[in-house]
Amino acid sequence: MTQALAERVRRRLGAVLTRHSDRIKRVGVRLGDENGPRGGVDKFCRIQIHLVDAPVAVIEDVGDDLYVAIDRAAERVGRVVVKHLDRTQPVRDTARLGPRPARDRHGPLESDHPQGDTQ
């Protein structure tokens, strides 16, 4: 891996993962060229993200330009991490809870309790 490729990976992943850094345990990146000098659409960027309390995410992109493959894989990593983390967050069921009681600016909260407010 060249210094330029390493910097590209750091910069692109940093941009999409910084806000979730507290939930990321480890990131592994593998770059390669399957056919070597023969050419072709065979350059790949594989990114493996180990998250806290979420499954491991593996993203791979293949193309004829390694820089483009890194960019596309990094974009997808950002979306996949958010999706994985959203699955592990408890969801508040607002439909089941119903609307919030209205608050009178000068009085106490209205109560849905049949006997009124209990204290």
PDB file of N, CA and C in Angstrom:
ATOM      1  N   MET A   1       0.857  -1.171   0.000  1.00  0.00           N
ATOM      2  CA  MET A   1       0.000   0.000   0.000  1.00  0.00           C
ATOM      3  C   MET A   1       0.903   1.235   0.000  1.00  0.00           C
ATOM      4  N   THR A   2       0.571   2.150  -0.857  1.00  0.00           N
ATOM      5  CA  THR A   2       1.348   3.392  -0.917  1.00  0.00           C
ATOM      6  C   THR A   2       0.872   4.361   0.159  1.00  0.00           C
ATOM      7  N   GLN A   3       1.698   5.350   0.432  1.00  0.00           N
ATOM      8  CA  GLN A   3       1.334   6.381   1.408  1.00  0.00           C
ATOM      9  C   GLN A   3       0.076   7.120   0.962  1.00  0.00           C
ATOM     10  N   ALA A   4      -0.037   7.375  -0.343  1.00  0.00           N
ATOM     11  CA  ALA A   4      -1.208   8.093  -0.873  1.00  0.00           C
ATOM     12  C   ALA A   4      -2.488   7.282  -0.670  1.00  0.00           C
ATOM     13  N   LEU A   5      -2.424   5.965  -0.890  1.00  0.00           N
ATOM     14  CA  LEU A   5      -3.607   5.118  -0.672  1.00  0.00           C
ATOM     15  C   LEU A   5      -3.973   5.073   0.812  1.00  0.00           C
ATOM     16  N   ALA A   6      -2.973   4.947   1.667  1.00  0.00           N
ATOM     17  CA  ALA A   6      -3.241   4.904   3.105  1.00  0.00           C
ATOM     18  C   ALA A   6      -3.891   6.209   3.571  1.00  0.00           C
ATOM     19  N   GLU A   7      -3.389   7.333   3.078  1.00  0.00           N
ATOM     20  CA  GLU A   7      -3.963   8.626   3.454  1.00  0.00           C
ATOM     21  C   GLU A   7      -5.396   8.753   2.942  1.00  0.00           C
ATOM     22  N   ARG A   8      -5.653   8.281   1.740  1.00  0.00           N
ATOM     23  CA  ARG A   8      -7.007   8.327   1.179  1.00  0.00           C
ATOM     24  C   ARG A   8      -7.966   7.526   2.050  1.00  0.00           C
ATOM     25  N   VAL A   9      -7.558   6.328   2.462  1.00  0.00           N
ATOM     26  CA  VAL A   9      -8.399   5.481   3.312  1.00  0.00           C
ATOM     27  C   VAL A   9      -8.660   6.183   4.649  1.00  0.00           C
ATOM     28  N   ARG A  10      -7.619   6.702   5.288  1.00  0.00           N
ATOM     29  CA  ARG A  10      -7.792   7.392   6.575  1.00  0.00           C
ATOM     30  C   ARG A  10      -8.731   8.586   6.456  1.00  0.00           C
ATOM     31  N   ARG A  11      -8.522   9.383   5.425  1.00  0.00           N
ATOM     32  CA  ARG A  11      -9.339  10.593   5.262  1.00  0.00           C
ATOM     33  C   ARG A  11     -10.801  10.250   4.984  1.00  0.00           C
ATOM     34  N   ARG A  12     -11.047   9.307   4.095  1.00  0.00           N
ATOM     35  CA  ARG A  12     -12.435   8.965   3.738  1.00  0.00           C
ATOM     36  C   ARG A  12     -13.157   8.278   4.889  1.00  0.00           C
ATOM     37  N   LEU A  13     -12.504   7.347   5.568  1.00  0.00           N
ATOM     38  CA  LEU A  13     -13.156   6.668   6.691  1.00  0.00           C
ATOM     39  C   LEU A  13     -13.328   7.615   7.876  1.00  0.00           C
ATOM     40  N   GLY A  14     -12.358   8.481   8.088  1.00  0.00           N
ATOM     41  CA  GLY A  14     -12.487   9.464   9.162  1.00  0.00           C
ATOM     42  C   GLY A  14     -13.692  10.351   8.961  1.00  0.00           C
ATOM     43  N   ALA A  15     -13.944  10.719   7.711  1.00  0.00           N
ATOM     44  CA  ALA A  15     -15.078  11.603   7.412  1.00  0.00           C
ATOM     45  C   ALA A  15     -16.420  10.939   7.711  1.00  0.00           C
ATOM     46  N   VAL A  16     -16.530   9.650   7.452  1.00  0.00           N
ATOM     47  CA  VAL A  16     -17.834   8.990   7.632  1.00  0.00           C
ATOM     48  C   VAL A  16     -17.994   8.312   8.990  1.00  0.00           C
ATOM     49  N   LEU A  17     -16.895   8.075   9.712  1.00  0.00           N
ATOM     50  CA  LEU A  17     -16.997   7.318  10.962  1.00  0.00           C
ATOM     51  C   LEU A  17     -16.737   8.133  12.228  1.00  0.00           C
ATOM     52  N   THR A  18     -16.249   9.332  12.123  1.00  0.00           N
ATOM     53  CA  THR A  18     -15.871  10.112  13.301  1.00  0.00           C
ATOM     54  C   THR A  18     -17.012  10.259  14.294  1.00  0.00           C
ATOM     55  N   ARG A  19     -18.212  10.566  13.824  1.00  0.00           N
ATOM     56  CA  ARG A  19     -19.314  10.790  14.762  1.00  0.00           C
ATOM     57  C   ARG A  19     -19.773   9.526  15.484  1.00  0.00           C
ATOM     58  N   HIS A  20     -19.339   8.358  15.003  1.00  0.00           N
ATOM     59  CA  HIS A  20     -19.704   7.092  15.647  1.00  0.00           C
ATOM     60  C   HIS A  20     -18.494   6.426  16.297  1.00  0.00           C
ATOM     61  N   SER A  21     -17.416   7.155  16.495  1.00  0.00           N
ATOM     62  CA  SER A  21     -16.164   6.558  16.961  1.00  0.00           C
ATOM     63  C   SER A  21     -16.305   5.874  18.324  1.00  0.00           C
ATOM     64  N   ASP A  22     -17.215   6.339  19.163  1.00  0.00           N
ATOM     65  CA  ASP A  22     -17.395   5.714  20.467  1.00  0.00           C
ATOM     66  C   ASP A  22     -18.048   4.340  20.381  1.00  0.00           C
ATOM     67  N   ARG A  23     -18.617   3.998  19.240  1.00  0.00           N
ATOM     68  CA  ARG A  23     -19.287   2.693  19.052  1.00  0.00           C
ATOM     69  C   ARG A  23     -18.472   1.747  18.174  1.00  0.00           C
ATOM     70  N   ILE A  24     -17.265   2.156  17.761  1.00  0.00           N
ATOM     71  CA  ILE A  24     -16.439   1.347  16.869  1.00  0.00           C
ATOM     72  C   ILE A  24     -15.249   0.791  17.645  1.00  0.00           C
ATOM     73  N   LYS A  25     -15.102  -0.537  17.631  1.00  0.00           N
ATOM     74  CA  LYS A  25     -13.984  -1.177  18.310  1.00  0.00           C
ATOM     75  C   LYS A  25     -12.748  -1.247  17.413  1.00  0.00           C
ATOM     76  N   ARG A  26     -12.964  -1.628  16.151  1.00  0.00           N
ATOM     77  CA  ARG A  26     -11.821  -1.838  15.262  1.00  0.00           C
ATOM     78  C   ARG A  26     -12.263  -1.717  13.815  1.00  0.00           C
ATOM     79  N   VAL A  27     -11.373  -1.229  12.980  1.00  0.00           N
ATOM     80  CA  VAL A  27     -11.617  -1.127  11.543  1.00  0.00           C
ATOM     81  C   VAL A  27     -10.449  -1.789  10.836  1.00  0.00           C
ATOM     82  N   GLY A  28     -10.760  -2.690   9.929  1.00  0.00           N
ATOM     83  CA  GLY A  28      -9.729  -3.335   9.110  1.00  0.00           C
ATOM     84  C   GLY A  28      -9.987  -3.018   7.648  1.00  0.00           C
ATOM     85  N   VAL A  29      -8.933  -2.691   6.928  1.00  0.00           N
ATOM     86  CA  VAL A  29      -9.061  -2.356   5.506  1.00  0.00           C
ATOM     87  C   VAL A  29      -8.070  -3.211   4.726  1.00  0.00           C
ATOM     88  N   ARG A  30      -8.553  -3.782   3.651  1.00  0.00           N
ATOM     89  CA  ARG A  30      -7.692  -4.564   2.770  1.00  0.00           C
ATOM     90  C   ARG A  30      -7.883  -4.048   1.354  1.00  0.00           C
ATOM     91  N   LEU A  31      -6.792  -3.718   0.717  1.00  0.00           N
ATOM     92  CA  LEU A  31      -6.802  -3.267  -0.667  1.00  0.00           C
ATOM     93  C   LEU A  31      -6.069  -4.306  -1.506  1.00  0.00           C
ATOM     94  N   GLY A  32      -6.517  -4.490  -2.730  1.00  0.00           N
ATOM     95  CA  GLY A  32      -5.843  -5.478  -3.561  1.00  0.00           C
ATOM     96  C   GLY A  32      -6.140  -5.312  -5.037  1.00  0.00           C
ATOM     97  N   ASP A  33      -5.368  -6.068  -5.809  1.00  0.00           N
ATOM     98  CA  ASP A  33      -5.496  -6.111  -7.261  1.00  0.00           C
ATOM     99  C   ASP A  33      -5.407  -7.577  -7.655  1.00  0.00           C
ATOM    100  N   GLU A  34      -6.542  -8.183  -7.963  1.00  0.00           N
ATOM    101  CA  GLU A  34      -6.615  -9.621  -8.229  1.00  0.00           C
ATOM    102  C   GLU A  34      -5.740 -10.056  -9.400  1.00  0.00           C
ATOM    103  N   ASN A  35      -5.765  -9.321 -10.500  1.00  0.00           N
ATOM    104  CA  ASN A  35      -5.054  -9.753 -11.707  1.00  0.00           C
ATOM    105  C   ASN A  35      -3.661  -9.161 -11.847  1.00  0.00           C
ATOM    106  N   GLY A  36      -3.286  -8.280 -10.947  1.00  0.00           N
ATOM    107  CA  GLY A  36      -1.958  -7.679 -11.029  1.00  0.00           C
ATOM    108  C   GLY A  36      -1.777  -6.886 -12.316  1.00  0.00           C
ATOM    109  N   PRO A  37      -0.664  -7.070 -12.989  1.00  0.00           N
ATOM    110  CA  PRO A  37      -0.374  -6.264 -14.178  1.00  0.00           C
ATOM    111  C   PRO A  37      -1.267  -6.571 -15.389  1.00  0.00           C
ATOM    112  N   ARG A  38      -2.035  -7.631 -15.356  1.00  0.00           N
ATOM    113  CA  ARG A  38      -2.905  -7.955 -16.498  1.00  0.00           C
ATOM    114  C   ARG A  38      -4.055  -6.969 -16.634  1.00  0.00           C
ATOM    115  N   GLY A  39      -4.357  -6.223 -15.567  1.00  0.00           N
ATOM    116  CA  GLY A  39      -5.405  -5.203 -15.633  1.00  0.00           C
ATOM    117  C   GLY A  39      -6.795  -5.784 -15.474  1.00  0.00           C
ATOM    118  N   GLY A  40      -7.784  -4.939 -15.733  1.00  0.00           N
ATOM    119  CA  GLY A  40      -9.175  -5.365 -15.618  1.00  0.00           C
ATOM    120  C   GLY A  40      -9.849  -4.731 -14.421  1.00  0.00           C
ATOM    121  N   VAL A  41     -11.136  -5.035 -14.303  1.00  0.00           N
ATOM    122  CA  VAL A  41     -11.950  -4.510 -13.206  1.00  0.00           C
ATOM    123  C   VAL A  41     -11.769  -5.463 -12.022  1.00  0.00           C
ATOM    124  N   ASP A  42     -10.644  -5.321 -11.340  1.00  0.00           N
ATOM    125  CA  ASP A  42     -10.306  -6.292 -10.310  1.00  0.00           C
ATOM    126  C   ASP A  42      -9.672  -5.689  -9.070  1.00  0.00           C
ATOM    127  N   LYS A  43      -9.618  -4.385  -8.981  1.00  0.00           N
ATOM    128  CA  LYS A  43      -9.048  -3.742  -7.801  1.00  0.00           C
ATOM    129  C   LYS A  43     -10.145  -3.646  -6.744  1.00  0.00           C
ATOM    130  N   PHE A  44      -9.812  -4.014  -5.517  1.00  0.00           N
ATOM    131  CA  PHE A  44     -10.857  -4.060  -4.495  1.00  0.00           C
ATOM    132  C   PHE A  44     -10.445  -3.332  -3.230  1.00  0.00           C
ATOM    133  N   CYS A  45     -11.473  -2.882  -2.518  1.00  0.00           N
ATOM    134  CA  CYS A  45     -11.328  -2.299  -1.193  1.00  0.00           C
ATOM    135  C   CYS A  45     -12.340  -3.013  -0.303  1.00  0.00           C
ATOM    136  N   ARG A  46     -11.835  -3.736   0.693  1.00  0.00           N
ATOM    137  CA  ARG A  46     -12.697  -4.466   1.634  1.00  0.00           C
ATOM    138  C   ARG A  46     -12.502  -3.840   3.017  1.00  0.00           C
ATOM    139  N   ILE A  47     -13.596  -3.401   3.600  1.00  0.00           N
ATOM    140  CA  ILE A  47     -13.551  -2.749   4.912  1.00  0.00           C
ATOM    141  C   ILE A  47     -14.379  -3.574   5.891  1.00  0.00           C
ATOM    142  N   GLN A  48     -13.762  -3.896   7.012  1.00  0.00           N
ATOM    143  CA  GLN A  48     -14.435  -4.663   8.056  1.00  0.00           C
ATOM    144  C   GLN A  48     -14.492  -3.782   9.308  1.00  0.00           C
ATOM    145  N   ILE A  49     -15.714  -3.556   9.820  1.00  0.00           N
ATOM    146  CA  ILE A  49     -15.932  -2.704  10.982  1.00  0.00           C
ATOM    147  C   ILE A  49     -16.456  -3.568  12.131  1.00  0.00           C
ATOM    148  N   HIS A  50     -15.751  -3.540  13.247  1.00  0.00           N
ATOM    149  CA  HIS A  50     -16.193  -4.248  14.448  1.00  0.00           C
ATOM    150  C   HIS A  50     -16.833  -3.209  15.360  1.00  0.00           C
ATOM    151  N   LEU A  51     -18.136  -3.343  15.575  1.00  0.00           N
ATOM    152  CA  LEU A  51     -18.908  -2.379  16.360  1.00  0.00           C
ATOM    153  C   LEU A  51     -19.168  -2.895  17.766  1.00  0.00           C
ATOM    154  N   VAL A  52     -19.407  -1.976  18.689  1.00  0.00           N
ATOM    155  CA  VAL A  52     -19.782  -2.321  20.054  1.00  0.00           C
ATOM    156  C   VAL A  52     -21.252  -2.732  20.045  1.00  0.00           C
ATOM    157  N   ASP A  53     -21.557  -3.894  20.580  1.00  0.00           N
ATOM    158  CA  ASP A  53     -22.940  -4.388  20.694  1.00  0.00           C
ATOM    159  C   ASP A  53     -23.694  -4.408  19.379  1.00  0.00           C
ATOM    160  N   ALA A  54     -23.006  -4.727  18.287  1.00  0.00           N
ATOM    161  CA  ALA A  54     -23.651  -4.838  16.976  1.00  0.00           C
ATOM    162  C   ALA A  54     -22.828  -5.822  16.151  1.00  0.00           C
ATOM    163  N   PRO A  55     -23.435  -6.384  15.125  1.00  0.00           N
ATOM    164  CA  PRO A  55     -22.697  -7.336  14.298  1.00  0.00           C
ATOM    165  C   PRO A  55     -21.565  -6.651  13.516  1.00  0.00           C
ATOM    166  N   VAL A  56     -20.589  -7.455  13.113  1.00  0.00           N
ATOM    167  CA  VAL A  56     -19.492  -6.966  12.291  1.00  0.00           C
ATOM    168  C   VAL A  56     -20.042  -6.610  10.914  1.00  0.00           C
ATOM    169  N   ALA A  57     -19.611  -5.471  10.388  1.00  0.00           N
ATOM    170  CA  ALA A  57     -20.033  -5.041   9.056  1.00  0.00           C
ATOM    171  C   ALA A  57     -18.857  -5.209   8.103  1.00  0.00           C
ATOM    172  N   VAL A  58     -19.110  -5.846   6.960  1.00  0.00           N
ATOM    173  CA  VAL A  58     -18.084  -6.023   5.940  1.00  0.00           C
ATOM    174  C   VAL A  58     -18.604  -5.434   4.637  1.00  0.00           C
ATOM    175  N   ILE A  59     -17.829  -4.523   4.070  1.00  0.00           N
ATOM    176  CA  ILE A  59     -18.214  -3.848   2.841  1.00  0.00           C
ATOM    177  C   ILE A  59     -17.072  -4.017   1.857  1.00  0.00           C
ATOM    178  N   GLU A  60     -17.413  -4.321   0.616  1.00  0.00           N
ATOM    179  CA  GLU A  60     -16.391  -4.455  -0.419  1.00  0.00           C
ATOM    180  C   GLU A  60     -16.842  -3.745  -1.677  1.00  0.00           C
ATOM    181  N   ASP A  61     -15.908  -3.095  -2.328  1.00  0.00           N
ATOM    182  CA  ASP A  61     -16.186  -2.484  -3.618  1.00  0.00           C
ATOM    183  C   ASP A  61     -15.063  -2.871  -4.564  1.00  0.00           C
ATOM    184  N   VAL A  62     -15.423  -3.134  -5.817  1.00  0.00           N
ATOM    185  CA  VAL A  62     -14.475  -3.560  -6.833  1.00  0.00           C
ATOM    186  C   VAL A  62     -14.594  -2.630  -8.022  1.00  0.00           C
ATOM    187  N   GLY A  63     -13.467  -2.319  -8.652  1.00  0.00           N
ATOM    188  CA  GLY A  63     -13.494  -1.474  -9.838  1.00  0.00           C
ATOM    189  C   GLY A  63     -12.149  -1.470 -10.528  1.00  0.00           C
ATOM    190  N   ASP A  64     -12.033  -0.635 -11.555  1.00  0.00           N
ATOM    191  CA  ASP A  64     -10.766  -0.547 -12.271  1.00  0.00           C
ATOM    192  C   ASP A  64      -9.859   0.540 -11.717  1.00  0.00           C
ATOM    193  N   ASP A  65     -10.372   1.359 -10.792  1.00  0.00           N
ATOM    194  CA  ASP A  65      -9.603   2.424 -10.154  1.00  0.00           C
ATOM    195  C   ASP A  65      -9.702   2.232  -8.644  1.00  0.00           C
ATOM    196  N   LEU A  66      -8.563   1.993  -7.999  1.00  0.00           N
ATOM    197  CA  LEU A  66      -8.561   1.717  -6.560  1.00  0.00           C
ATOM    198  C   LEU A  66      -9.037   2.911  -5.739  1.00  0.00           C
ATOM    199  N   TYR A  67      -8.730   4.118  -6.165  1.00  0.00           N
ATOM    200  CA  TYR A  67      -9.183   5.312  -5.430  1.00  0.00           C
ATOM    201  C   TYR A  67     -10.711   5.419  -5.462  1.00  0.00           C
ATOM    202  N   VAL A  68     -11.302   5.117  -6.590  1.00  0.00           N
ATOM    203  CA  VAL A  68     -12.768   5.149  -6.702  1.00  0.00           C
ATOM    204  C   VAL A  68     -13.377   4.042  -5.835  1.00  0.00           C
ATOM    205  N   ALA A  69     -12.771   2.866  -5.837  1.00  0.00           N
ATOM    206  CA  ALA A  69     -13.269   1.764  -5.008  1.00  0.00           C
ATOM    207  C   ALA A  69     -13.212   2.137  -3.524  1.00  0.00           C
ATOM    208  N   ILE A  70     -12.157   2.817  -3.105  1.00  0.00           N
ATOM    209  CA  ILE A  70     -12.043   3.271  -1.706  1.00  0.00           C
ATOM    210  C   ILE A  70     -13.156   4.264  -1.382  1.00  0.00           C
ATOM    211  N   ASP A  71     -13.370   5.225  -2.264  1.00  0.00           N
ATOM    212  CA  ASP A  71     -14.411   6.232  -2.035  1.00  0.00           C
ATOM    213  C   ASP A  71     -15.791   5.611  -1.928  1.00  0.00           C
ATOM    214  N   ARG A  72     -16.114   4.715  -2.858  1.00  0.00           N
ATOM    215  CA  ARG A  72     -17.448   4.093  -2.835  1.00  0.00           C
ATOM    216  C   ARG A  72     -17.626   3.202  -1.611  1.00  0.00           C
ATOM    217  N   ALA A  73     -16.590   2.441  -1.249  1.00  0.00           N
ATOM    218  CA  ALA A  73     -16.683   1.572  -0.069  1.00  0.00           C
ATOM    219  C   ALA A  73     -16.853   2.414   1.194  1.00  0.00           C
ATOM    220  N   ALA A  74     -16.139   3.526   1.291  1.00  0.00           N
ATOM    221  CA  ALA A  74     -16.250   4.390   2.470  1.00  0.00           C
ATOM    222  C   ALA A  74     -17.650   4.986   2.582  1.00  0.00           C
ATOM    223  N   GLU A  75     -18.220   5.404   1.477  1.00  0.00           N
ATOM    224  CA  GLU A  75     -19.591   5.936   1.511  1.00  0.00           C
ATOM    225  C   GLU A  75     -20.563   4.883   2.021  1.00  0.00           C
ATOM    226  N   ARG A  76     -20.418   3.667   1.522  1.00  0.00           N
ATOM    227  CA  ARG A  76     -21.306   2.587   1.954  1.00  0.00           C
ATOM    228  C   ARG A  76     -21.083   2.235   3.416  1.00  0.00           C
ATOM    229  N   VAL A  77     -19.832   2.295   3.890  1.00  0.00           N
ATOM    230  CA  VAL A  77     -19.531   2.006   5.287  1.00  0.00           C
ATOM    231  C   VAL A  77     -20.307   2.951   6.195  1.00  0.00           C
ATOM    232  N   GLY A  78     -20.316   4.231   5.849  1.00  0.00           N
ATOM    233  CA  GLY A  78     -21.051   5.200   6.662  1.00  0.00           C
ATOM    234  C   GLY A  78     -22.512   4.837   6.793  1.00  0.00           C
ATOM    235  N   ARG A  79     -23.139   4.463   5.681  1.00  0.00           N
ATOM    236  CA  ARG A  79     -24.562   4.092   5.715  1.00  0.00           C
ATOM    237  C   ARG A  79     -24.788   2.797   6.486  1.00  0.00           C
ATOM    238  N   VAL A  80     -23.922   1.817   6.287  1.00  0.00           N
ATOM    239  CA  VAL A  80     -24.088   0.518   6.941  1.00  0.00           C
ATOM    240  C   VAL A  80     -23.898   0.635   8.451  1.00  0.00           C
ATOM    241  N   VAL A  81     -22.926   1.415   8.887  1.00  0.00           N
ATOM    242  CA  VAL A  81     -22.699   1.585  10.323  1.00  0.00           C
ATOM    243  C   VAL A  81     -23.919   2.220  10.985  1.00  0.00           C
ATOM    244  N   VAL A  82     -24.463   3.258  10.375  1.00  0.00           N
ATOM    245  CA  VAL A  82     -25.664   3.896  10.923  1.00  0.00           C
ATOM    246  C   VAL A  82     -26.809   2.884  10.988  1.00  0.00           C
ATOM    247  N   LYS A  83     -26.968   2.103   9.949  1.00  0.00           N
ATOM    248  CA  LYS A  83     -28.043   1.096   9.919  1.00  0.00           C
ATOM    249  C   LYS A  83     -27.843   0.054  11.025  1.00  0.00           C
ATOM    250  N   HIS A  84     -26.624  -0.454  11.185  1.00  0.00           N
ATOM    251  CA  HIS A  84     -26.348  -1.434  12.243  1.00  0.00           C
ATOM    252  C   HIS A  84     -26.583  -0.831  13.622  1.00  0.00           C
ATOM    253  N   LEU A  85     -26.130   0.391  13.826  1.00  0.00           N
ATOM    254  CA  LEU A  85     -26.284   1.021  15.139  1.00  0.00           C
ATOM    255  C   LEU A  85     -27.741   1.347  15.431  1.00  0.00           C
ATOM    256  N   ASP A  86     -28.504   1.719  14.408  1.00  0.00           N
ATOM    257  CA  ASP A  86     -29.927   1.986  14.614  1.00  0.00           C
ATOM    258  C   ASP A  86     -30.669   0.730  15.049  1.00  0.00           C
ATOM    259  N   ARG A  87     -30.242  -0.419  14.564  1.00  0.00           N
ATOM    260  CA  ARG A  87     -30.889  -1.679  14.943  1.00  0.00           C
ATOM    261  C   ARG A  87     -30.659  -2.011  16.407  1.00  0.00           C
ATOM    262  N   THR A  88     -29.546  -1.558  16.963  1.00  0.00           N
ATOM    263  CA  THR A  88     -29.235  -1.890  18.353  1.00  0.00           C
ATOM    264  C   THR A  88     -29.760  -0.856  19.333  1.00  0.00           C
ATOM    265  N   GLN A  89     -30.238   0.283  18.850  1.00  0.00           N
ATOM    266  CA  GLN A  89     -30.788   1.324  19.715  1.00  0.00           C
ATOM    267  C   GLN A  89     -32.220   0.962  20.081  1.00  0.00           C
ATOM    268  N   PRO A  90     -32.621   1.132  21.327  1.00  0.00           N
ATOM    269  CA  PRO A  90     -34.019   0.886  21.671  1.00  0.00           C
ATOM    270  C   PRO A  90     -34.905   1.913  20.964  1.00  0.00           C
ATOM    271  N   VAL A  91     -36.004   1.420  20.409  1.00  0.00           N
ATOM    272  CA  VAL A  91     -36.911   2.291  19.665  1.00  0.00           C
ATOM    273  C   VAL A  91     -38.071   2.670  20.576  1.00  0.00           C
ATOM    274  N   ARG A  92     -38.364   3.943  20.650  1.00  0.00           N
ATOM    275  CA  ARG A  92     -39.497   4.417  21.444  1.00  0.00           C
ATOM    276  C   ARG A  92     -40.747   4.286  20.595  1.00  0.00           C
ATOM    277  N   ASP A  93     -41.692   3.544  21.083  1.00  0.00           N
ATOM    278  CA  ASP A  93     -42.936   3.316  20.351  1.00  0.00           C
ATOM    279  C   ASP A  93     -43.920   4.422  20.687  1.00  0.00           C
ATOM    280  N   THR A  94     -43.855   5.527  19.952  1.00  0.00           N
ATOM    281  CA  THR A  94     -44.722   6.669  20.235  1.00  0.00           C
ATOM    282  C   THR A  94     -46.175   6.380  19.883  1.00  0.00           C
ATOM    283  N   ALA A  95     -46.425   5.509  18.933  1.00  0.00           N
ATOM    284  CA  ALA A  95     -47.808   5.199  18.568  1.00  0.00           C
ATOM    285  C   ALA A  95     -48.505   4.467  19.718  1.00  0.00           C
ATOM    286  N   ARG A  96     -47.774   3.594  20.386  1.00  0.00           N
ATOM    287  CA  ARG A  96     -48.355   2.834  21.485  1.00  0.00           C
ATOM    288  C   ARG A  96     -48.546   3.719  22.712  1.00  0.00           C
ATOM    289  N   LEU A  97     -47.637   4.653  22.916  1.00  0.00           N
ATOM    290  CA  LEU A  97     -47.727   5.510  24.092  1.00  0.00           C
ATOM    291  C   LEU A  97     -48.818   6.568  23.971  1.00  0.00           C
ATOM    292  N   GLY A  98     -49.195   6.905  22.755  1.00  0.00           N
ATOM    293  CA  GLY A  98     -50.229   7.913  22.549  1.00  0.00           C
ATOM    294  C   GLY A  98     -49.658   9.313  22.635  1.00  0.00           C
ATOM    295  N   PRO A  99     -50.497  10.302  22.395  1.00  0.00           N
ATOM    296  CA  PRO A  99     -50.006  11.690  22.416  1.00  0.00           C
ATOM    297  C   PRO A  99     -49.680  12.133  23.835  1.00  0.00           C
ATOM    298  N   ARG A 100     -48.796  13.088  23.935  1.00  0.00           N
ATOM    299  CA  ARG A 100     -48.460  13.658  25.233  1.00  0.00           C
ATOM    300  C   ARG A 100     -49.627  14.500  25.735  1.00  0.00           C
ATOM    301  N   PRO A 101     -49.862  14.525  27.044  1.00  0.00           N
ATOM    302  CA  PRO A 101     -50.933  15.363  27.566  1.00  0.00           C
ATOM    303  C   PRO A 101     -50.612  16.838  27.326  1.00  0.00           C
ATOM    304  N   ALA A 102     -51.657  17.612  27.093  1.00  0.00           N
ATOM    305  CA  ALA A 102     -51.470  19.045  26.871  1.00  0.00           C
ATOM    306  C   ALA A 102     -51.106  19.711  28.184  1.00  0.00           C
ATOM    307  N   ARG A 103     -50.271  20.739  28.107  1.00  0.00           N
ATOM    308  CA  ARG A 103     -49.854  21.456  29.313  1.00  0.00           C
ATOM    309  C   ARG A 103     -50.463  22.856  29.261  1.00  0.00           C
ATOM    310  N   ASP A 104     -51.174  23.168  30.326  1.00  0.00           N
ATOM    311  CA  ASP A 104     -51.739  24.509  30.464  1.00  0.00           C
ATOM    312  C   ASP A 104     -50.642  25.402  31.030  1.00  0.00           C
ATOM    313  N   ARG A 105     -50.458  26.568  30.442  1.00  0.00           N
ATOM    314  CA  ARG A 105     -49.382  27.448  30.883  1.00  0.00           C
ATOM    315  C   ARG A 105     -49.552  27.883  32.331  1.00  0.00           C
ATOM    316  N   HIS A 106     -50.785  27.888  32.822  1.00  0.00           N
ATOM    317  CA  HIS A 106     -51.031  28.397  34.168  1.00  0.00           C
ATOM    318  C   HIS A 106     -51.487  27.329  35.144  1.00  0.00           C
ATOM    319  N   GLY A 107     -51.609  26.104  34.690  1.00  0.00           N
ATOM    320  CA  GLY A 107     -52.115  25.071  35.583  1.00  0.00           C
ATOM    321  C   GLY A 107     -51.299  23.798  35.477  1.00  0.00           C
ATOM    322  N   PRO A 108     -51.712  22.743  36.181  1.00  0.00           N
ATOM    323  CA  PRO A 108     -50.979  21.476  36.162  1.00  0.00           C
ATOM    324  C   PRO A 108     -51.238  20.717  34.862  1.00  0.00           C
ATOM    325  N   LEU A 109     -50.511  19.641  34.689  1.00  0.00           N
ATOM    326  CA  LEU A 109     -50.718  18.774  33.532  1.00  0.00           C
ATOM    327  C   LEU A 109     -52.116  18.168  33.570  1.00  0.00           C
ATOM    328  N   GLU A 110     -52.724  18.021  32.400  1.00  0.00           N
ATOM    329  CA  GLU A 110     -53.991  17.301  32.326  1.00  0.00           C
ATOM    330  C   GLU A 110     -53.681  15.832  32.526  1.00  0.00           C
ATOM    331  N   SER A 111     -54.587  15.103  33.110  1.00  0.00           N
ATOM    332  CA  SER A 111     -54.362  13.703  33.396  1.00  0.00           C
ATOM    333  C   SER A 111     -55.364  12.841  32.666  1.00  0.00           C
ATOM    334  N   ASP A 112     -54.869  11.698  32.176  1.00  0.00           N
ATOM    335  CA  ASP A 112     -55.744  10.711  31.564  1.00  0.00           C
ATOM    336  C   ASP A 112     -56.231   9.714  32.621  1.00  0.00           C
ATOM    337  N   HIS A 113     -55.741   9.851  33.837  1.00  0.00           N
ATOM    338  CA  HIS A 113     -56.081   8.939  34.911  1.00  0.00           C
ATOM    339  C   HIS A 113     -57.523   9.231  35.345  1.00  0.00           C
ATOM    340  N   PRO A 114     -58.393   8.179  35.437  1.00  0.00           N
ATOM    341  CA  PRO A 114     -59.808   8.415  35.732  1.00  0.00           C
ATOM    342  C   PRO A 114     -60.069   9.092  37.082  1.00  0.00           C
ATOM    343  N   GLN A 115     -59.218   8.895  38.078  1.00  0.00           N
ATOM    344  CA  GLN A 115     -59.450   9.525  39.373  1.00  0.00           C
ATOM    345  C   GLN A 115     -58.710  10.853  39.500  1.00  0.00           C
ATOM    346  N   GLY A 116     -58.139  11.320  38.438  1.00  0.00           N
ATOM    347  CA  GLY A 116     -57.371  12.563  38.518  1.00  0.00           C
ATOM    348  C   GLY A 116     -55.926  12.266  38.857  1.00  0.00           C
ATOM    349  N   ASP A 117     -55.203  13.275  39.162  1.00  0.00           N
ATOM    350  CA  ASP A 117     -53.787  13.110  39.488  1.00  0.00           C
ATOM    351  C   ASP A 117     -53.645  12.440  40.845  1.00  0.00           C
ATOM    352  N   THR A 118     -52.739  11.481  40.928  1.00  0.00           N
ATOM    353  CA  THR A 118     -52.441  10.831  42.206  1.00  0.00           C
ATOM    354  C   THR A 118     -51.039  11.230  42.611  1.00  0.00           C
ATOM    355  N   GLN A 119     -50.856  11.457  43.897  1.00  0.00           N
ATOM    356  CA  GLN A 119     -49.521  11.857  44.373  1.00  0.00           C
ATOM    357  C   GLN A 119     -49.099  11.041  45.522  1.00  0.00           C
TER     358      GLN A 119
END
